[in-house]
């Protein structure tokens, strides 16, 4: 799963893009802390994608 995929999933779950710093997109949701997502083209994030989604409180797809 790429960073772009993670951002897409987070947006579907109500997260919005707060800012972009370099290649990291910082996503925020009301009453929750911000979650940075590295977006490095089409590079697979591996386990990091699941950890980011877990931090965001989103059940990762495929589970």
C-alpha atoms as a PDB file:
ATOM      1  CA  UNK A   1       0.000   0.000   0.000  1.00  0.00           C
ATOM      2  CA  UNK A   2       1.405   3.385  -0.981  1.00  0.00           C
ATOM      3  CA  UNK A   3       1.180   6.678   0.866  1.00  0.00           C
ATOM      4  CA  UNK A   4      -1.349   7.836  -1.731  1.00  0.00           C
ATOM      5  CA  UNK A   5      -3.552   4.833  -0.874  1.00  0.00           C
ATOM      6  CA  UNK A   6      -3.327   5.620   2.845  1.00  0.00           C
ATOM      7  CA  UNK A   7      -4.306   9.261   2.264  1.00  0.00           C
ATOM      8  CA  UNK A   8      -7.260   8.136   0.110  1.00  0.00           C
ATOM      9  CA  UNK A   9      -8.492   5.748   2.829  1.00  0.00           C
ATOM     10  CA  UNK A  10      -8.108   8.404   5.513  1.00  0.00           C
ATOM     11  CA  UNK A  11     -10.068  10.959   3.459  1.00  0.00           C
ATOM     12  CA  UNK A  12     -12.915   8.466   3.050  1.00  0.00           C
ATOM     13  CA  UNK A  13     -12.974   8.203   6.863  1.00  0.00           C
ATOM     14  CA  UNK A  14     -13.295  11.939   7.472  1.00  0.00           C
ATOM     15  CA  UNK A  15      -9.630  12.974   7.752  1.00  0.00           C
ATOM     16  CA  UNK A  16      -8.529  16.153   5.957  1.00  0.00           C
ATOM     17  CA  UNK A  17      -5.156  17.348   4.736  1.00  0.00           C
ATOM     18  CA  UNK A  18      -3.855  19.994   7.140  1.00  0.00           C
ATOM     19  CA  UNK A  19      -0.522  20.691   5.493  1.00  0.00           C
ATOM     20  CA  UNK A  20       2.266  19.181   3.434  1.00  0.00           C
ATOM     21  CA  UNK A  21       5.834  19.348   4.683  1.00  0.00           C
ATOM     22  CA  UNK A  22       8.234  17.966   2.127  1.00  0.00           C
ATOM     23  CA  UNK A  23       6.896  14.556   1.130  1.00  0.00           C
ATOM     24  CA  UNK A  24       4.820  14.127   4.311  1.00  0.00           C
ATOM     25  CA  UNK A  25       1.110  14.881   4.287  1.00  0.00           C
ATOM     26  CA  UNK A  26      -0.203  15.781   7.739  1.00  0.00           C
ATOM     27  CA  UNK A  27      -3.777  14.594   8.125  1.00  0.00           C
ATOM     28  CA  UNK A  28      -6.110  15.854  10.880  1.00  0.00           C
ATOM     29  CA  UNK A  29      -9.560  15.015  12.144  1.00  0.00           C
ATOM     30  CA  UNK A  30     -11.638  16.952  14.640  1.00  0.00           C
ATOM     31  CA  UNK A  31     -10.863  16.050  18.272  1.00  0.00           C
ATOM     32  CA  UNK A  32      -7.997  13.761  17.241  1.00  0.00           C
ATOM     33  CA  UNK A  33      -4.297  14.376  16.916  1.00  0.00           C
ATOM     34  CA  UNK A  34      -2.569  14.834  13.589  1.00  0.00           C
ATOM     35  CA  UNK A  35      -1.126  11.864  11.720  1.00  0.00           C
ATOM     36  CA  UNK A  36       1.742  12.288   9.229  1.00  0.00           C
ATOM     37  CA  UNK A  37       1.723  10.131   6.102  1.00  0.00           C
ATOM     38  CA  UNK A  38       4.858   9.800   3.936  1.00  0.00           C
ATOM     39  CA  UNK A  39       3.961  10.052   0.254  1.00  0.00           C
ATOM     40  CA  UNK A  40       6.989   8.982  -1.764  1.00  0.00           C
ATOM     41  CA  UNK A  41       5.499   8.363  -5.192  1.00  0.00           C
ATOM     42  CA  UNK A  42       4.468   4.741  -5.663  1.00  0.00           C
ATOM     43  CA  UNK A  43       6.749   3.346  -2.954  1.00  0.00           C
ATOM     44  CA  UNK A  44       5.112   0.588  -0.905  1.00  0.00           C
ATOM     45  CA  UNK A  45       4.967   1.517   2.795  1.00  0.00           C
ATOM     46  CA  UNK A  46       4.722  -2.106   3.956  1.00  0.00           C
ATOM     47  CA  UNK A  47       3.783  -2.465   7.647  1.00  0.00           C
ATOM     48  CA  UNK A  48       3.986   1.296   8.138  1.00  0.00           C
ATOM     49  CA  UNK A  49       0.697   1.697   6.248  1.00  0.00           C
ATOM     50  CA  UNK A  50      -1.144  -0.520   8.747  1.00  0.00           C
ATOM     51  CA  UNK A  51       0.485   1.286  11.678  1.00  0.00           C
ATOM     52  CA  UNK A  52      -0.575   4.674  10.309  1.00  0.00           C
ATOM     53  CA  UNK A  53      -4.161   3.494   9.799  1.00  0.00           C
ATOM     54  CA  UNK A  54      -4.216   1.996  13.300  1.00  0.00           C
ATOM     55  CA  UNK A  55      -2.991   5.296  14.739  1.00  0.00           C
ATOM     56  CA  UNK A  56      -5.837   6.991  12.852  1.00  0.00           C
ATOM     57  CA  UNK A  57      -8.354   4.528  14.315  1.00  0.00           C
ATOM     58  CA  UNK A  58      -9.148   2.939  10.957  1.00  0.00           C
ATOM     59  CA  UNK A  59      -9.456  -0.805  10.542  1.00  0.00           C
ATOM     60  CA  UNK A  60      -7.071  -1.575   7.705  1.00  0.00           C
ATOM     61  CA  UNK A  61      -8.607  -3.023   4.546  1.00  0.00           C
ATOM     62  CA  UNK A  62      -8.190  -6.728   3.965  1.00  0.00           C
ATOM     63  CA  UNK A  63      -8.453  -7.684   7.633  1.00  0.00           C
END
